[in-house]
């Protein structure tokens, strides 16, 4: 599972913003297609916690991550795991 993180800051400011004038703000343009994108890879445990915190049930998490419900429960309740 990867999460995408991107900046909402424009690469350059419009000329009116740089001049200090009180002109009406320029219309926002669509982001450039060459904007860098950062990705983060989560461990299985982090994926389980993220989905659980989003309100998914243990069975939904197990199904979406292709793991057993017992493994999901071990991530959520590590004190109940054997050993």
N, C-alpha and C. Protein backbone atom coordinates (compact mmCIF):
# COMPACT_ATOMS: atom_id res chain seq x y z
N UNK A 1 0.85 -1.16 0.00
CA UNK A 1 0.00 0.00 0.00
C UNK A 1 0.90 1.23 0.00
N UNK A 2 0.60 2.17 -0.83
CA UNK A 2 1.36 3.41 -0.90
C UNK A 2 0.43 4.58 -0.68
N UNK A 3 0.93 5.60 -0.06
CA UNK A 3 0.19 6.84 0.11
C UNK A 3 0.93 7.92 -0.64
N UNK A 4 0.18 8.74 -1.36
CA UNK A 4 0.79 9.81 -2.13
C UNK A 4 0.72 11.11 -1.35
N UNK A 5 1.84 11.78 -1.31
CA UNK A 5 1.93 13.07 -0.64
C UNK A 5 2.39 14.09 -1.67
N UNK A 6 1.65 15.16 -1.82
CA UNK A 6 2.08 16.18 -2.76
C UNK A 6 1.88 17.56 -2.15
N UNK A 7 2.60 18.49 -2.65
CA UNK A 7 2.55 19.86 -2.17
C UNK A 7 1.50 20.63 -2.95
N UNK A 8 0.80 21.52 -2.28
CA UNK A 8 -0.19 22.34 -2.98
C UNK A 8 0.36 23.73 -3.28
N UNK A 9 1.65 23.93 -3.07
CA UNK A 9 2.26 25.22 -3.35
C UNK A 9 2.59 25.32 -4.84
N UNK A 10 2.26 26.45 -5.45
CA UNK A 10 2.61 26.62 -6.87
C UNK A 10 4.11 26.76 -7.03
N UNK A 11 4.58 26.38 -8.21
CA UNK A 11 6.01 26.48 -8.47
C UNK A 11 6.47 27.93 -8.57
N UNK A 12 5.62 28.81 -9.05
CA UNK A 12 5.96 30.23 -9.11
C UNK A 12 4.71 31.04 -8.83
N UNK A 13 4.89 32.21 -8.29
CA UNK A 13 3.76 33.07 -7.97
C UNK A 13 3.41 33.93 -9.19
N UNK A 14 2.12 34.27 -9.34
CA UNK A 14 1.74 35.17 -10.44
C UNK A 14 2.42 36.53 -10.27
N UNK A 15 2.57 37.25 -11.36
CA UNK A 15 3.26 38.54 -11.33
C UNK A 15 2.58 39.51 -10.38
N UNK A 16 1.25 39.51 -10.27
CA UNK A 16 0.54 40.43 -9.39
C UNK A 16 0.91 40.17 -7.93
N UNK A 17 1.13 38.92 -7.58
CA UNK A 17 1.48 38.59 -6.20
C UNK A 17 2.89 39.08 -5.87
N UNK A 18 3.77 39.09 -6.85
CA UNK A 18 5.14 39.52 -6.61
C UNK A 18 5.27 41.04 -6.58
N UNK A 19 4.35 41.76 -7.24
CA UNK A 19 4.50 43.21 -7.35
C UNK A 19 3.99 43.94 -6.13
N UNK A 20 3.21 43.28 -5.27
CA UNK A 20 2.70 43.92 -4.08
C UNK A 20 1.48 44.78 -4.36
N UNK A 21 0.92 44.74 -5.56
CA UNK A 21 -0.25 45.55 -5.88
C UNK A 21 -1.49 44.89 -5.31
N UNK A 22 -2.56 45.63 -5.20
CA UNK A 22 -3.81 45.13 -4.64
C UNK A 22 -4.74 44.64 -5.75
N UNK A 23 -4.19 44.18 -6.82
CA UNK A 23 -4.99 43.69 -7.94
C UNK A 23 -5.74 42.43 -7.54
N UNK A 24 -6.79 42.15 -8.25
CA UNK A 24 -7.59 40.94 -7.98
C UNK A 24 -6.71 39.71 -8.19
N UNK A 25 -6.92 38.69 -7.37
CA UNK A 25 -6.09 37.49 -7.52
C UNK A 25 -6.32 36.82 -8.87
N UNK A 26 -5.26 36.30 -9.43
CA UNK A 26 -5.34 35.61 -10.71
C UNK A 26 -6.03 34.27 -10.52
N UNK A 27 -6.70 33.82 -11.55
CA UNK A 27 -7.37 32.51 -11.48
C UNK A 27 -6.32 31.42 -11.31
N UNK A 28 -6.64 30.44 -10.49
CA UNK A 28 -5.69 29.35 -10.28
C UNK A 28 -5.64 28.48 -11.53
N UNK A 29 -4.45 28.03 -11.83
CA UNK A 29 -4.27 27.15 -12.97
C UNK A 29 -4.12 25.72 -12.49
N UNK A 30 -4.36 24.79 -13.36
CA UNK A 30 -4.21 23.38 -13.02
C UNK A 30 -2.75 23.09 -12.73
N UNK A 31 -2.47 22.17 -11.80
CA UNK A 31 -1.08 21.86 -11.48
C UNK A 31 -0.34 21.31 -12.69
N UNK A 32 0.91 21.62 -12.74
CA UNK A 32 1.76 21.16 -13.82
C UNK A 32 1.90 19.64 -13.78
N UNK A 33 2.03 19.01 -14.92
CA UNK A 33 2.14 17.55 -14.96
C UNK A 33 3.52 17.07 -14.54
N UNK A 34 4.48 17.97 -14.40
CA UNK A 34 5.83 17.56 -14.01
C UNK A 34 6.10 17.81 -12.52
N UNK A 35 5.04 17.87 -11.72
CA UNK A 35 5.19 18.07 -10.28
C UNK A 35 5.69 16.77 -9.66
N UNK A 36 6.69 16.87 -8.80
CA UNK A 36 7.25 15.69 -8.15
C UNK A 36 6.24 15.13 -7.15
N UNK A 37 6.18 13.81 -7.08
CA UNK A 37 5.27 13.13 -6.16
C UNK A 37 6.09 12.24 -5.24
N UNK A 38 5.83 12.34 -3.94
CA UNK A 38 6.50 11.50 -2.96
C UNK A 38 5.57 10.35 -2.60
N UNK A 39 6.11 9.15 -2.47
CA UNK A 39 5.32 8.01 -2.04
C UNK A 39 5.92 7.42 -0.79
N UNK A 40 5.08 6.83 0.02
CA UNK A 40 5.49 6.19 1.26
C UNK A 40 4.98 4.76 1.23
N UNK A 41 5.85 3.81 1.49
CA UNK A 41 5.45 2.42 1.56
C UNK A 41 5.24 2.05 3.02
N UNK A 42 4.06 1.51 3.33
CA UNK A 42 3.72 1.16 4.70
C UNK A 42 3.96 -0.32 4.94
N UNK A 43 4.36 -0.66 6.17
CA UNK A 43 4.49 -2.06 6.56
C UNK A 43 3.09 -2.65 6.69
N UNK A 44 3.02 -3.99 6.80
CA UNK A 44 1.72 -4.63 6.98
C UNK A 44 1.03 -4.10 8.24
N UNK A 45 1.78 -3.99 9.32
CA UNK A 45 1.20 -3.50 10.58
C UNK A 45 0.64 -2.09 10.41
N UNK A 46 1.36 -1.21 9.73
CA UNK A 46 0.90 0.16 9.52
C UNK A 46 -0.35 0.18 8.65
N UNK A 47 -0.40 -0.71 7.65
CA UNK A 47 -1.59 -0.80 6.80
C UNK A 47 -2.80 -1.24 7.62
N UNK A 48 -2.59 -2.24 8.50
CA UNK A 48 -3.68 -2.73 9.34
C UNK A 48 -4.18 -1.60 10.23
N UNK A 49 -3.27 -0.89 10.91
CA UNK A 49 -3.67 0.21 11.80
C UNK A 49 -4.40 1.31 11.03
N UNK A 50 -3.91 1.65 9.85
CA UNK A 50 -4.53 2.70 9.06
C UNK A 50 -5.96 2.32 8.68
N UNK A 51 -6.15 1.11 8.19
CA UNK A 51 -7.50 0.67 7.80
C UNK A 51 -8.42 0.56 9.01
N UNK A 52 -7.89 0.08 10.13
CA UNK A 52 -8.68 -0.02 11.35
C UNK A 52 -9.12 1.36 11.83
N UNK A 53 -8.21 2.32 11.79
CA UNK A 53 -8.53 3.68 12.20
C UNK A 53 -9.51 4.37 11.25
N UNK A 54 -9.61 3.86 10.02
CA UNK A 54 -10.59 4.38 9.07
C UNK A 54 -11.95 3.73 9.25
N UNK A 55 -12.06 2.80 10.21
CA UNK A 55 -13.34 2.22 10.54
C UNK A 55 -13.63 0.87 9.91
N UNK A 56 -12.66 0.26 9.25
CA UNK A 56 -12.89 -1.06 8.66
C UNK A 56 -12.86 -2.13 9.73
N UNK A 57 -13.65 -3.18 9.51
CA UNK A 57 -13.69 -4.30 10.44
C UNK A 57 -12.48 -5.21 10.21
N UNK A 58 -12.25 -6.11 11.16
CA UNK A 58 -11.14 -7.05 11.05
C UNK A 58 -11.29 -7.90 9.78
N UNK A 59 -12.50 -8.36 9.51
CA UNK A 59 -12.71 -9.19 8.31
C UNK A 59 -12.48 -8.39 7.03
N UNK A 60 -12.87 -7.12 7.00
CA UNK A 60 -12.62 -6.28 5.82
C UNK A 60 -11.13 -6.06 5.61
N UNK A 61 -10.42 -5.80 6.70
CA UNK A 61 -8.97 -5.58 6.62
C UNK A 61 -8.28 -6.84 6.12
N UNK A 62 -8.65 -7.98 6.69
CA UNK A 62 -8.05 -9.25 6.29
C UNK A 62 -8.27 -9.52 4.81
N UNK A 63 -9.47 -9.26 4.35
CA UNK A 63 -9.79 -9.48 2.94
C UNK A 63 -9.01 -8.54 2.03
N UNK A 64 -8.98 -7.26 2.37
CA UNK A 64 -8.31 -6.29 1.49
C UNK A 64 -6.80 -6.45 1.46
N UNK A 65 -6.21 -6.99 2.55
CA UNK A 65 -4.75 -7.17 2.59
C UNK A 65 -4.33 -8.61 2.34
N UNK A 66 -5.29 -9.48 2.01
CA UNK A 66 -5.02 -10.89 1.71
C UNK A 66 -4.27 -11.58 2.86
N UNK A 67 -4.82 -11.45 4.05
CA UNK A 67 -4.25 -12.11 5.22
C UNK A 67 -5.39 -12.66 6.06
N UNK A 68 -5.07 -13.53 6.99
CA UNK A 68 -6.11 -14.11 7.83
C UNK A 68 -6.55 -13.12 8.91
N UNK A 69 -7.76 -13.35 9.43
CA UNK A 69 -8.24 -12.51 10.52
C UNK A 69 -7.38 -12.67 11.76
N UNK A 70 -6.79 -13.85 11.95
CA UNK A 70 -5.92 -14.08 13.10
C UNK A 70 -4.69 -13.18 13.04
N UNK A 71 -4.13 -13.00 11.85
CA UNK A 71 -2.95 -12.13 11.69
C UNK A 71 -3.34 -10.68 11.96
N UNK A 72 -4.49 -10.25 11.43
CA UNK A 72 -4.95 -8.89 11.68
C UNK A 72 -5.13 -8.67 13.18
N UNK A 73 -5.74 -9.64 13.86
CA UNK A 73 -5.93 -9.52 15.31
C UNK A 73 -4.60 -9.47 16.05
N UNK A 74 -3.59 -10.19 15.56
CA UNK A 74 -2.27 -10.14 16.20
C UNK A 74 -1.67 -8.74 16.07
N UNK A 75 -1.85 -8.09 14.92
CA UNK A 75 -1.35 -6.72 14.76
C UNK A 75 -2.09 -5.76 15.67
N UNK A 76 -3.41 -5.95 15.81
CA UNK A 76 -4.21 -5.03 16.60
C UNK A 76 -4.10 -5.28 18.11
N UNK A 77 -3.81 -6.54 18.50
CA UNK A 77 -3.72 -6.92 19.90
C UNK A 77 -2.44 -7.72 20.15
N UNK A 78 -1.29 -7.08 20.07
CA UNK A 78 -0.04 -7.82 20.17
C UNK A 78 0.14 -8.55 21.51
N UNK A 79 -0.52 -8.11 22.57
CA UNK A 79 -0.36 -8.77 23.87
C UNK A 79 -1.08 -10.11 23.90
N UNK A 80 -2.00 -10.35 22.97
CA UNK A 80 -2.73 -11.61 22.91
C UNK A 80 -2.04 -12.65 22.03
N UNK A 81 -0.93 -12.29 21.39
CA UNK A 81 -0.26 -13.23 20.50
C UNK A 81 0.54 -14.26 21.32
N UNK A 82 0.63 -15.48 20.82
CA UNK A 82 1.37 -16.52 21.56
C UNK A 82 2.86 -16.21 21.60
N UNK A 83 3.51 -16.62 22.67
CA UNK A 83 4.95 -16.50 22.74
C UNK A 83 5.37 -15.47 23.64
